Amino acid sequence: MAEPAGWSALPSDLLNRVADRLLATNDVDYYMDLRTVCSPSSRATDDPKNIPDPRFRPSQWIVIDEVIRTTCINFQRHTPLLVNTATGRALREYLPMLRNYYVIATTHGSFFVLADRKPPRAACVLNPFTGYLVRFAAPMVPDMGAPAAALVGSTLVLIYDEYVQCTWLILAADVSLSFRTGILTVDVSTSLGTGMLIRSRAS
């Protein structure tokens, strides 16, 4: 009796269709697994490790473990818990490269905001599934606690709570040598809230 054909026998167009289905549900981790099944699947699919392709962003994922200056035990073990908000699937992702960085925050979409352990503590943003790393020239601001964070294009936005109606807003473009900071006034009288940068200074 003939042995059943494996993944390596599948044509490249079929492998790409499988890959597209995985990316459609934002199962980027499954996509990465597919690429390691066999050489044909690796050749037939795009390598996301060195390209900022939006298809590979973990946009439907959130990180459950809270970041408190890297004191969370799961971050110390480099195994944060992530959940796909579209499908409800949860997993602990082993991220050995975290040993080289301080975990400052995570964004909606499960990007990790990191600071290099070596001075000058350069900021960077990590895609936990693909390993793609956006490096910033600006060093991370020390001793500020765990901020809310967002990656907007090539700009890293960090927001630190200081007062009930005020927030420190810290911005850095990937080519900027420093963060820009200012006071953000928040209108808490509406459910959505509005903000205005009323003062900024070099940091």
N, C-alpha and C. Protein backbone atom coordinates (compact mmCIF):
# COMPACT_ATOMS: atom_id res chain seq x y z
N MET A 1 0.85 -1.20 0.00
CA MET A 1 0.00 0.00 0.00
C MET A 1 0.88 1.24 0.00
N ALA A 2 0.58 2.19 -0.88
CA ALA A 2 1.41 3.38 -1.01
C ALA A 2 1.25 4.28 0.21
N GLU A 3 2.36 4.91 0.60
CA GLU A 3 2.33 5.84 1.70
C GLU A 3 1.58 7.12 1.27
N PRO A 4 0.76 7.70 2.16
CA PRO A 4 0.06 8.94 1.81
C PRO A 4 1.05 10.08 1.61
N ALA A 5 0.76 10.94 0.65
CA ALA A 5 1.63 12.08 0.38
C ALA A 5 1.54 13.09 1.52
N GLY A 6 2.66 13.71 1.82
CA GLY A 6 2.70 14.69 2.90
C GLY A 6 2.59 16.12 2.38
N TRP A 7 2.88 17.06 3.27
CA TRP A 7 2.82 18.48 2.92
C TRP A 7 3.75 18.81 1.77
N SER A 8 4.88 18.16 1.71
CA SER A 8 5.86 18.47 0.68
C SER A 8 5.35 18.17 -0.73
N ALA A 9 4.29 17.34 -0.82
CA ALA A 9 3.75 17.00 -2.14
C ALA A 9 2.70 17.99 -2.62
N LEU A 10 2.29 18.92 -1.76
CA LEU A 10 1.25 19.87 -2.14
C LEU A 10 1.82 20.94 -3.08
N PRO A 11 1.06 21.34 -4.09
CA PRO A 11 1.52 22.40 -4.99
C PRO A 11 1.58 23.74 -4.26
N SER A 12 2.41 24.64 -4.75
CA SER A 12 2.63 25.91 -4.07
C SER A 12 1.37 26.77 -4.00
N ASP A 13 0.50 26.70 -5.02
CA ASP A 13 -0.71 27.51 -4.98
C ASP A 13 -1.66 27.05 -3.87
N LEU A 14 -1.68 25.74 -3.61
CA LEU A 14 -2.52 25.23 -2.53
C LEU A 14 -1.94 25.62 -1.17
N LEU A 15 -0.62 25.57 -1.04
CA LEU A 15 0.03 26.00 0.19
C LEU A 15 -0.25 27.47 0.47
N ASN A 16 -0.24 28.27 -0.57
CA ASN A 16 -0.54 29.70 -0.40
C ASN A 16 -1.98 29.93 0.00
N ARG A 17 -2.90 29.09 -0.49
CA ARG A 17 -4.30 29.22 -0.10
C ARG A 17 -4.48 28.90 1.38
N VAL A 18 -3.76 27.87 1.85
CA VAL A 18 -3.80 27.53 3.28
C VAL A 18 -3.24 28.70 4.09
N ALA A 19 -2.12 29.26 3.63
CA ALA A 19 -1.50 30.38 4.33
C ALA A 19 -2.44 31.58 4.39
N ASP A 20 -3.11 31.86 3.30
CA ASP A 20 -4.04 32.99 3.27
C ASP A 20 -5.20 32.79 4.24
N ARG A 21 -5.67 31.56 4.38
CA ARG A 21 -6.76 31.28 5.32
C ARG A 21 -6.31 31.51 6.76
N LEU A 22 -5.09 31.16 7.06
CA LEU A 22 -4.56 31.38 8.40
C LEU A 22 -4.42 32.87 8.70
N LEU A 23 -3.94 33.63 7.73
CA LEU A 23 -3.77 35.06 7.93
C LEU A 23 -5.11 35.78 7.99
N ALA A 24 -6.14 35.22 7.34
CA ALA A 24 -7.46 35.82 7.35
C ALA A 24 -8.05 35.86 8.76
N THR A 25 -7.70 34.89 9.60
CA THR A 25 -8.14 34.86 10.99
C THR A 25 -7.06 35.37 11.93
N ASN A 26 -6.00 35.97 11.35
CA ASN A 26 -4.89 36.55 12.11
C ASN A 26 -4.15 35.51 12.95
N ASP A 27 -4.18 34.26 12.52
CA ASP A 27 -3.44 33.20 13.21
C ASP A 27 -2.00 33.19 12.68
N VAL A 28 -1.28 34.25 13.04
CA VAL A 28 0.07 34.43 12.52
C VAL A 28 1.00 33.34 13.03
N ASP A 29 0.74 32.85 14.25
CA ASP A 29 1.57 31.77 14.79
C ASP A 29 1.42 30.50 13.96
N TYR A 30 0.18 30.19 13.54
CA TYR A 30 -0.03 29.02 12.69
C TYR A 30 0.65 29.21 11.33
N TYR A 31 0.63 30.43 10.83
CA TYR A 31 1.31 30.72 9.57
C TYR A 31 2.81 30.43 9.70
N MET A 32 3.40 30.86 10.81
CA MET A 32 4.82 30.61 11.03
C MET A 32 5.09 29.11 11.14
N ASP A 33 4.18 28.37 11.79
CA ASP A 33 4.32 26.92 11.88
C ASP A 33 4.25 26.27 10.49
N LEU A 34 3.32 26.77 9.66
CA LEU A 34 3.19 26.24 8.31
C LEU A 34 4.49 26.37 7.53
N ARG A 35 5.20 27.48 7.74
CA ARG A 35 6.43 27.71 7.00
C ARG A 35 7.55 26.74 7.40
N THR A 36 7.41 26.14 8.59
CA THR A 36 8.45 25.22 9.06
C THR A 36 8.12 23.76 8.80
N VAL A 37 6.94 23.49 8.23
CA VAL A 37 6.53 22.10 8.00
C VAL A 37 7.48 21.39 7.04
N CYS A 38 7.83 22.06 5.95
CA CYS A 38 8.70 21.45 4.95
C CYS A 38 9.30 22.56 4.09
N SER A 39 10.32 22.21 3.35
CA SER A 39 10.98 23.19 2.49
C SER A 39 10.06 23.81 1.45
N PRO A 40 9.18 23.01 0.78
CA PRO A 40 8.27 23.61 -0.19
C PRO A 40 7.34 24.66 0.41
N SER A 41 6.85 24.43 1.64
CA SER A 41 5.96 25.41 2.25
C SER A 41 6.72 26.68 2.61
N SER A 42 7.98 26.54 2.97
CA SER A 42 8.80 27.71 3.27
C SER A 42 9.07 28.52 2.00
N ARG A 43 9.34 27.84 0.91
CA ARG A 43 9.62 28.53 -0.35
C ARG A 43 8.37 29.16 -0.94
N ALA A 44 7.22 28.55 -0.71
CA ALA A 44 5.98 29.02 -1.34
C ALA A 44 5.35 30.21 -0.63
N THR A 45 5.74 30.45 0.62
CA THR A 45 5.12 31.51 1.41
C THR A 45 6.13 32.61 1.72
N ASP A 46 5.62 33.80 2.00
CA ASP A 46 6.48 34.95 2.29
C ASP A 46 7.08 34.83 3.69
N ASP A 47 8.34 35.23 3.79
CA ASP A 47 9.02 35.26 5.09
C ASP A 47 8.74 36.61 5.74
N PRO A 48 8.02 36.63 6.87
CA PRO A 48 7.64 37.90 7.48
C PRO A 48 8.69 38.48 8.43
N LYS A 49 9.81 37.83 8.59
CA LYS A 49 10.76 38.26 9.62
C LYS A 49 11.45 39.57 9.29
N ASN A 50 11.52 39.91 8.01
CA ASN A 50 12.28 41.09 7.63
C ASN A 50 11.47 42.09 6.81
N ILE A 51 10.14 41.95 6.81
CA ILE A 51 9.32 42.87 6.04
C ILE A 51 8.17 43.38 6.90
N PRO A 52 7.87 44.69 6.85
CA PRO A 52 6.78 45.26 7.67
C PRO A 52 5.44 45.13 6.98
N ASP A 53 5.06 43.92 6.59
CA ASP A 53 3.82 43.67 5.87
C ASP A 53 2.66 43.65 6.86
N PRO A 54 1.62 44.46 6.65
CA PRO A 54 0.49 44.48 7.60
C PRO A 54 -0.24 43.16 7.75
N ARG A 55 -0.09 42.25 6.78
CA ARG A 55 -0.74 40.94 6.91
C ARG A 55 -0.23 40.17 8.11
N PHE A 56 1.00 40.46 8.53
CA PHE A 56 1.62 39.68 9.60
C PHE A 56 1.56 40.38 10.96
N ARG A 57 0.86 41.50 11.03
CA ARG A 57 0.70 42.17 12.31
C ARG A 57 -0.32 41.41 13.17
N PRO A 58 -0.05 41.21 14.45
CA PRO A 58 -1.01 40.51 15.32
C PRO A 58 -2.14 41.43 15.76
N SER A 59 -2.88 41.95 14.79
CA SER A 59 -3.86 43.01 15.05
C SER A 59 -5.05 42.54 15.88
N GLN A 60 -5.36 41.24 15.86
CA GLN A 60 -6.49 40.71 16.62
C GLN A 60 -6.09 40.14 17.98
N TRP A 61 -4.82 40.29 18.33
CA TRP A 61 -4.32 39.68 19.55
C TRP A 61 -4.15 40.71 20.66
N ILE A 62 -4.31 40.26 21.91
CA ILE A 62 -3.99 41.07 23.07
C ILE A 62 -3.12 40.24 24.01
N VAL A 63 -2.33 40.94 24.82
CA VAL A 63 -1.50 40.29 25.82
C VAL A 63 -2.23 40.37 27.16
N ILE A 64 -2.47 39.22 27.78
CA ILE A 64 -3.23 39.17 29.03
C ILE A 64 -2.36 39.53 30.23
N ASP A 65 -1.13 39.04 30.25
CA ASP A 65 -0.25 39.31 31.39
C ASP A 65 0.02 40.81 31.51
N GLU A 66 -0.10 41.32 32.72
CA GLU A 66 0.13 42.74 32.95
C GLU A 66 1.62 43.01 33.07
N VAL A 67 2.05 44.10 32.46
CA VAL A 67 3.46 44.49 32.54
C VAL A 67 3.62 45.47 33.69
N ILE A 68 4.39 45.08 34.70
CA ILE A 68 4.70 45.98 35.80
C ILE A 68 6.22 45.96 35.98
N ARG A 69 6.87 46.75 35.12
CA ARG A 69 8.34 46.84 35.16
C ARG A 69 8.99 45.46 35.11
N THR A 70 8.45 44.60 34.28
CA THR A 70 8.94 43.25 34.02
C THR A 70 8.93 42.37 35.27
N THR A 71 8.09 42.70 36.29
CA THR A 71 8.03 41.84 37.47
C THR A 71 7.09 40.65 37.28
N CYS A 72 6.27 40.68 36.23
CA CYS A 72 5.37 39.55 35.96
C CYS A 72 6.19 38.28 35.72
N ILE A 73 5.87 37.20 36.44
CA ILE A 73 6.67 35.98 36.37
C ILE A 73 6.67 35.39 34.97
N ASN A 74 5.55 35.54 34.23
CA ASN A 74 5.50 34.98 32.89
C ASN A 74 6.41 35.74 31.92
N PHE A 75 6.61 37.03 32.18
CA PHE A 75 7.57 37.77 31.37
C PHE A 75 8.99 37.38 31.75
N GLN A 76 9.22 37.10 33.04
CA GLN A 76 10.54 36.66 33.47
C GLN A 76 10.88 35.31 32.83
N ARG A 77 9.88 34.49 32.61
CA ARG A 77 10.08 33.19 31.96
C ARG A 77 9.95 33.28 30.44
N HIS A 78 9.70 34.49 29.95
CA HIS A 78 9.59 34.75 28.51
C HIS A 78 8.44 33.98 27.88
N THR A 79 7.33 33.81 28.66
CA THR A 79 6.17 33.07 28.14
C THR A 79 4.88 33.85 28.39
N PRO A 80 4.70 35.02 27.81
CA PRO A 80 3.47 35.78 28.02
C PRO A 80 2.26 35.08 27.41
N LEU A 81 1.09 35.35 28.00
CA LEU A 81 -0.16 34.78 27.53
C LEU A 81 -0.81 35.74 26.54
N LEU A 82 -1.13 35.24 25.33
CA LEU A 82 -1.78 36.03 24.30
C LEU A 82 -3.12 35.39 23.93
N VAL A 83 -4.09 36.25 23.56
CA VAL A 83 -5.42 35.77 23.18
C VAL A 83 -5.82 36.42 21.86
N ASN A 84 -6.33 35.59 20.94
CA ASN A 84 -6.88 36.08 19.69
C ASN A 84 -8.32 36.51 19.96
N THR A 85 -8.60 37.81 19.89
CA THR A 85 -9.92 38.32 20.25
C THR A 85 -10.98 37.95 19.22
N ALA A 86 -10.56 37.57 18.01
CA ALA A 86 -11.53 37.19 16.98
C ALA A 86 -11.99 35.75 17.13
N THR A 87 -11.09 34.88 17.60
CA THR A 87 -11.42 33.45 17.69
C THR A 87 -11.49 32.94 19.12
N GLY A 88 -10.93 33.70 20.09
CA GLY A 88 -10.91 33.25 21.47
C GLY A 88 -9.76 32.31 21.79
N ARG A 89 -8.92 32.03 20.81
CA ARG A 89 -7.81 31.09 21.05
C ARG A 89 -6.72 31.76 21.87
N ALA A 90 -6.23 31.03 22.87
CA ALA A 90 -5.18 31.55 23.75
C ALA A 90 -3.94 30.67 23.64
N LEU A 91 -2.77 31.27 23.83
CA LEU A 91 -1.55 30.50 23.85
C LEU A 91 -0.49 31.24 24.63
N ARG A 92 0.44 30.48 25.15
CA ARG A 92 1.64 31.06 25.77
C ARG A 92 2.76 30.96 24.73
N GLU A 93 3.27 32.11 24.38
CA GLU A 93 4.30 32.17 23.35
C GLU A 93 5.66 32.31 24.01
N TYR A 94 6.55 31.36 23.70
CA TYR A 94 7.91 31.43 24.25
C TYR A 94 8.72 32.41 23.43
N LEU A 95 9.20 33.46 24.09
CA LEU A 95 9.95 34.52 23.42
C LEU A 95 11.33 34.66 24.05
N PRO A 96 12.26 33.80 23.66
CA PRO A 96 13.58 33.84 24.30
C PRO A 96 14.33 35.15 24.11
N MET A 97 14.00 35.91 23.05
CA MET A 97 14.73 37.15 22.83
C MET A 97 14.40 38.21 23.88
N LEU A 98 13.32 38.00 24.68
CA LEU A 98 12.99 38.97 25.72
C LEU A 98 14.09 39.06 26.77
N ARG A 99 14.94 38.04 26.86
CA ARG A 99 16.00 38.09 27.86
C ARG A 99 16.99 39.22 27.58
N ASN A 100 16.98 39.74 26.36
CA ASN A 100 17.91 40.81 26.00
C ASN A 100 17.31 42.21 26.17
N TYR A 101 16.04 42.27 26.63
CA TYR A 101 15.35 43.55 26.70
C TYR A 101 14.54 43.66 27.99
N TYR A 102 14.24 44.90 28.37
CA TYR A 102 13.22 45.16 29.38
C TYR A 102 11.88 45.32 28.67
N VAL A 103 10.84 44.66 29.18
CA VAL A 103 9.50 44.82 28.62
C VAL A 103 8.88 46.05 29.25
N ILE A 104 8.63 47.08 28.44
CA ILE A 104 8.09 48.34 28.94
C ILE A 104 6.57 48.35 28.89
N ALA A 105 6.01 47.85 27.81
CA ALA A 105 4.55 47.85 27.64
C ALA A 105 4.19 46.94 26.49
N THR A 106 2.90 46.68 26.34
CA THR A 106 2.39 45.99 25.15
C THR A 106 1.28 46.84 24.58
N THR A 107 1.07 46.75 23.26
CA THR A 107 0.04 47.53 22.60
C THR A 107 -1.18 46.66 22.32
N HIS A 108 -2.30 47.31 22.02
CA HIS A 108 -3.42 46.57 21.46
C HIS A 108 -2.96 46.08 20.09
N GLY A 109 -3.01 44.82 19.88
CA GLY A 109 -2.39 44.23 18.70
C GLY A 109 -1.12 43.49 19.07
N SER A 110 -0.83 43.42 20.37
CA SER A 110 0.22 42.54 20.91
C SER A 110 1.63 42.84 20.44
N PHE A 111 1.90 44.08 20.04
CA PHE A 111 3.30 44.45 19.87
C PHE A 111 3.90 44.67 21.25
N PHE A 112 5.18 44.30 21.40
CA PHE A 112 5.88 44.48 22.66
C PHE A 112 6.80 45.70 22.55
N VAL A 113 6.63 46.65 23.45
CA VAL A 113 7.53 47.80 23.51
C VAL A 113 8.67 47.44 24.46
N LEU A 114 9.87 47.49 23.94
CA LEU A 114 11.03 47.01 24.68
C LEU A 114 12.08 48.11 24.82
N ALA A 115 12.96 47.93 25.80
CA ALA A 115 14.13 48.78 25.96
C ALA A 115 15.35 47.86 26.04
N ASP A 116 16.37 48.20 25.28
CA ASP A 116 17.59 47.40 25.30
C ASP A 116 18.18 47.39 26.70
N ARG A 117 18.65 46.25 27.15
CA ARG A 117 19.25 46.16 28.48
C ARG A 117 20.58 46.90 28.57
N LYS A 118 21.18 47.14 27.43
CA LYS A 118 22.46 47.86 27.41
C LYS A 118 22.21 49.35 27.18
N PRO A 119 22.96 50.22 27.87
CA PRO A 119 22.82 51.65 27.62
C PRO A 119 23.09 51.95 26.15
N PRO A 120 22.39 52.91 25.56
CA PRO A 120 21.49 53.90 26.20
C PRO A 120 20.03 53.47 26.29
N ARG A 121 19.74 52.17 26.39
CA ARG A 121 18.37 51.66 26.53
C ARG A 121 17.49 52.05 25.34
N ALA A 122 17.99 51.80 24.15
CA ALA A 122 17.24 52.17 22.94
C ALA A 122 15.90 51.46 22.91
N ALA A 123 14.87 52.18 22.48
CA ALA A 123 13.52 51.63 22.38
C ALA A 123 13.37 50.81 21.11
N CYS A 124 12.53 49.79 21.17
CA CYS A 124 12.19 49.00 19.98
C CYS A 124 10.83 48.36 20.19
N VAL A 125 10.24 47.92 19.09
CA VAL A 125 8.92 47.30 19.12
C VAL A 125 9.00 45.94 18.43
N LEU A 126 8.51 44.90 19.09
CA LEU A 126 8.63 43.52 18.62
C LEU A 126 7.29 42.93 18.24
N ASN A 127 7.24 42.28 17.06
CA ASN A 127 6.12 41.42 16.71
C ASN A 127 6.43 40.04 17.30
N PRO A 128 5.65 39.57 18.30
CA PRO A 128 6.02 38.34 19.01
C PRO A 128 5.93 37.08 18.17
N PHE A 129 5.18 37.10 17.08
CA PHE A 129 5.01 35.90 16.27
C PHE A 129 6.06 35.79 15.17
N THR A 130 6.41 36.89 14.55
CA THR A 130 7.33 36.85 13.42
C THR A 130 8.77 37.18 13.81
N GLY A 131 8.94 37.85 14.95
CA GLY A 131 10.28 38.28 15.34
C GLY A 131 10.71 39.57 14.69
N TYR A 132 9.82 40.19 13.90
CA TYR A 132 10.17 41.45 13.25
C TYR A 132 10.32 42.54 14.31
N LEU A 133 11.42 43.29 14.24
CA LEU A 133 11.76 44.26 15.26
C LEU A 133 11.93 45.64 14.63
N VAL A 134 11.18 46.62 15.13
CA VAL A 134 11.35 48.01 14.72
C VAL A 134 12.23 48.69 15.77
N ARG A 135 13.39 49.18 15.35
CA ARG A 135 14.32 49.81 16.28
C ARG A 135 14.20 51.33 16.20
N PHE A 136 14.24 51.95 17.36
CA PHE A 136 14.17 53.40 17.44
C PHE A 136 15.52 53.94 17.91
N ALA A 137 15.88 55.11 17.39
CA ALA A 137 17.14 55.73 17.80
C ALA A 137 17.04 56.31 19.21
N ALA A 138 15.83 56.68 19.62
CA ALA A 138 15.64 57.32 20.92
C ALA A 138 15.75 56.30 22.05
N PRO A 139 16.42 56.66 23.14
CA PRO A 139 16.46 55.77 24.31
C PRO A 139 15.15 55.84 25.08
N MET A 140 14.82 54.75 25.74
CA MET A 140 13.59 54.71 26.53
C MET A 140 13.73 55.60 27.75
N VAL A 141 12.63 56.26 28.13
CA VAL A 141 12.62 57.13 29.30
C VAL A 141 12.62 56.25 30.55
N PRO A 142 13.62 56.38 31.44
CA PRO A 142 13.70 55.49 32.61
C PRO A 142 12.74 55.89 33.72
N ASP A 143 12.42 54.93 34.58
CA ASP A 143 11.70 55.16 35.83
C ASP A 143 10.35 55.86 35.65
N MET A 144 9.63 55.46 34.61
CA MET A 144 8.33 56.08 34.35
C MET A 144 7.17 55.11 34.56
N GLY A 145 7.45 53.88 34.98
CA GLY A 145 6.37 52.92 35.16
C GLY A 145 5.94 52.31 33.84
N ALA A 146 4.80 51.60 33.86
CA ALA A 146 4.31 50.91 32.67
C ALA A 146 3.28 51.78 31.97
N PRO A 147 3.54 52.22 30.73
CA PRO A 147 2.62 53.10 30.03
C PRO A 147 1.62 52.34 29.18
N ALA A 148 0.61 53.06 28.69
CA ALA A 148 -0.16 52.59 27.54
C ALA A 148 0.67 52.92 26.31
N ALA A 149 0.57 52.10 25.28
CA ALA A 149 1.45 52.28 24.13
C ALA A 149 0.71 52.00 22.84
N ALA A 150 1.17 52.65 21.77
CA ALA A 150 0.63 52.42 20.44
C ALA A 150 1.72 52.68 19.42
N LEU A 151 1.69 51.92 18.34
CA LEU A 151 2.61 52.13 17.23
C LEU A 151 1.78 52.70 16.08
N VAL A 152 2.05 53.96 15.72
CA VAL A 152 1.31 54.65 14.67
C VAL A 152 2.28 54.94 13.53
N GLY A 153 2.19 54.13 12.47
CA GLY A 153 3.16 54.27 11.39
C GLY A 153 4.55 54.00 11.91
N SER A 154 5.44 54.98 11.76
CA SER A 154 6.81 54.84 12.26
C SER A 154 7.01 55.59 13.57
N THR A 155 5.89 55.91 14.26
CA THR A 155 5.97 56.67 15.51
C THR A 155 5.50 55.82 16.67
N LEU A 156 6.29 55.80 17.72
CA LEU A 156 5.94 55.11 18.96
C LEU A 156 5.32 56.12 19.91
N VAL A 157 4.10 55.83 20.37
CA VAL A 157 3.39 56.71 21.29
C VAL A 157 3.28 56.01 22.64
N LEU A 158 3.78 56.66 23.69
CA LEU A 158 3.68 56.13 25.05
C LEU A 158 2.90 57.14 25.88
N ILE A 159 1.93 56.66 26.66
CA ILE A 159 1.11 57.55 27.47
C ILE A 159 1.20 57.10 28.92
N TYR A 160 1.64 58.02 29.78
CA TYR A 160 1.81 57.73 31.19
C TYR A 160 0.80 58.53 32.00
N ASP A 161 0.04 57.89 32.88
CA ASP A 161 -0.90 58.59 33.75
C ASP A 161 -0.12 59.34 34.83
N GLU A 162 -0.42 60.64 34.95
CA GLU A 162 0.20 61.46 35.99
C GLU A 162 -0.85 62.03 36.94
N TYR A 163 -1.95 62.50 36.37
CA TYR A 163 -3.00 63.10 37.17
C TYR A 163 -4.35 62.59 36.66
N VAL A 164 -5.43 62.99 37.30
CA VAL A 164 -6.75 62.52 36.91
C VAL A 164 -7.08 62.95 35.49
N GLN A 165 -6.76 64.20 35.12
CA GLN A 165 -7.14 64.71 33.82
C GLN A 165 -5.93 64.99 32.93
N CYS A 166 -4.76 64.58 33.33
CA CYS A 166 -3.56 64.88 32.55
C CYS A 166 -2.73 63.62 32.36
N THR A 167 -2.05 63.58 31.27
CA THR A 167 -1.24 62.43 30.93
C THR A 167 0.04 62.91 30.28
N TRP A 168 1.13 62.24 30.57
CA TRP A 168 2.36 62.51 29.83
C TRP A 168 2.28 61.77 28.50
N LEU A 169 2.47 62.49 27.43
CA LEU A 169 2.47 61.90 26.10
C LEU A 169 3.89 61.94 25.58
N ILE A 170 4.43 60.78 25.23
CA ILE A 170 5.82 60.68 24.80
C ILE A 170 5.86 60.09 23.41
N LEU A 171 6.50 60.78 22.50
CA LEU A 171 6.51 60.38 21.09
C LEU A 171 7.94 60.26 20.60
N ALA A 172 8.17 59.30 19.70
CA ALA A 172 9.47 59.18 19.05
C ALA A 172 9.30 58.52 17.70
N ALA A 173 9.80 59.16 16.65
CA ALA A 173 9.85 58.52 15.34
C ALA A 173 11.05 57.61 15.30
N ASP A 174 11.05 56.65 14.38
CA ASP A 174 12.13 55.66 14.37
C ASP A 174 13.50 56.27 14.09
N VAL A 175 13.53 57.46 13.48
CA VAL A 175 14.82 58.09 13.20
C VAL A 175 15.14 59.20 14.20
N SER A 176 14.21 59.45 15.15
CA SER A 176 14.42 60.51 16.12
C SER A 176 15.43 60.07 17.17
N LEU A 177 16.27 61.01 17.60
CA LEU A 177 17.27 60.71 18.62
C LEU A 177 16.73 60.92 20.03
N SER A 178 15.53 61.45 20.16
CA SER A 178 14.97 61.68 21.49
C SER A 178 13.45 61.64 21.42
N PHE A 179 12.84 61.47 22.59
CA PHE A 179 11.39 61.51 22.70
C PHE A 179 10.95 62.97 22.87
N ARG A 180 9.76 63.28 22.38
CA ARG A 180 9.13 64.57 22.66
C ARG A 180 8.04 64.33 23.68
N THR A 181 7.99 65.15 24.71
CA THR A 181 6.99 64.95 25.76
C THR A 181 6.12 66.18 25.91
N GLY A 182 4.97 65.98 26.50
CA GLY A 182 4.07 67.10 26.74
C GLY A 182 2.93 66.69 27.64
N ILE A 183 2.08 67.64 27.94
CA ILE A 183 0.90 67.38 28.75
C ILE A 183 -0.30 67.20 27.84
N LEU A 184 -1.02 66.13 28.02
CA LEU A 184 -2.24 65.87 27.25
C LEU A 184 -3.43 66.10 28.17
N THR A 185 -4.29 67.06 27.82
CA THR A 185 -5.49 67.31 28.60
C THR A 185 -6.62 66.43 28.09
N VAL A 186 -7.25 65.67 28.96
CA VAL A 186 -8.29 64.72 28.58
C VAL A 186 -9.63 65.18 29.09
N ASP A 187 -10.63 65.23 28.21
CA ASP A 187 -11.99 65.58 28.59
C ASP A 187 -12.68 64.32 29.08
N VAL A 188 -12.88 64.21 30.40
CA VAL A 188 -13.46 63.00 30.98
C VAL A 188 -14.98 63.11 31.11
N SER A 189 -15.58 64.19 30.59
CA SER A 189 -17.02 64.37 30.72
C SER A 189 -17.79 63.60 29.66
N THR A 190 -17.08 63.12 28.62
CA THR A 190 -17.74 62.34 27.58
C THR A 190 -17.23 60.92 27.62
N SER A 191 -18.01 60.02 27.07
CA SER A 191 -17.65 58.61 27.11
C SER A 191 -16.45 58.32 26.21
N LEU A 192 -16.31 59.09 25.12
CA LEU A 192 -15.21 58.85 24.21
C LEU A 192 -13.95 59.57 24.64
N GLY A 193 -14.10 60.81 25.17
CA GLY A 193 -12.96 61.58 25.60
C GLY A 193 -12.27 62.24 24.42
N THR A 194 -11.71 63.42 24.66
CA THR A 194 -10.94 64.12 23.64
C THR A 194 -9.65 64.58 24.26
N GLY A 195 -8.67 64.86 23.44
CA GLY A 195 -7.39 65.28 23.98
C GLY A 195 -6.78 66.38 23.16
N MET A 196 -5.93 67.20 23.79
CA MET A 196 -5.21 68.25 23.09
C MET A 196 -3.84 68.39 23.70
N LEU A 197 -2.82 68.42 22.89
CA LEU A 197 -1.46 68.62 23.37
C LEU A 197 -1.29 70.10 23.61
N ILE A 198 -1.18 70.50 24.88
CA ILE A 198 -1.14 71.92 25.19
C ILE A 198 0.26 72.40 25.51
N ARG A 199 1.21 71.52 25.73
CA ARG A 199 2.56 71.96 25.99
C ARG A 199 3.50 70.83 25.63
N SER A 200 4.60 71.14 25.01
CA SER A 200 5.57 70.10 24.67
C SER A 200 6.96 70.63 24.92
N ARG A 201 7.87 69.73 25.15
CA ARG A 201 9.25 70.10 25.37
C ARG A 201 10.13 68.96 24.95
N ALA A 202 11.40 69.23 24.70
CA ALA A 202 12.35 68.16 24.36
C ALA A 202 12.62 67.33 25.59
N SER A 203 12.85 66.06 25.38
CA SER A 203 13.14 65.18 26.52
C SER A 203 14.49 64.53 26.31
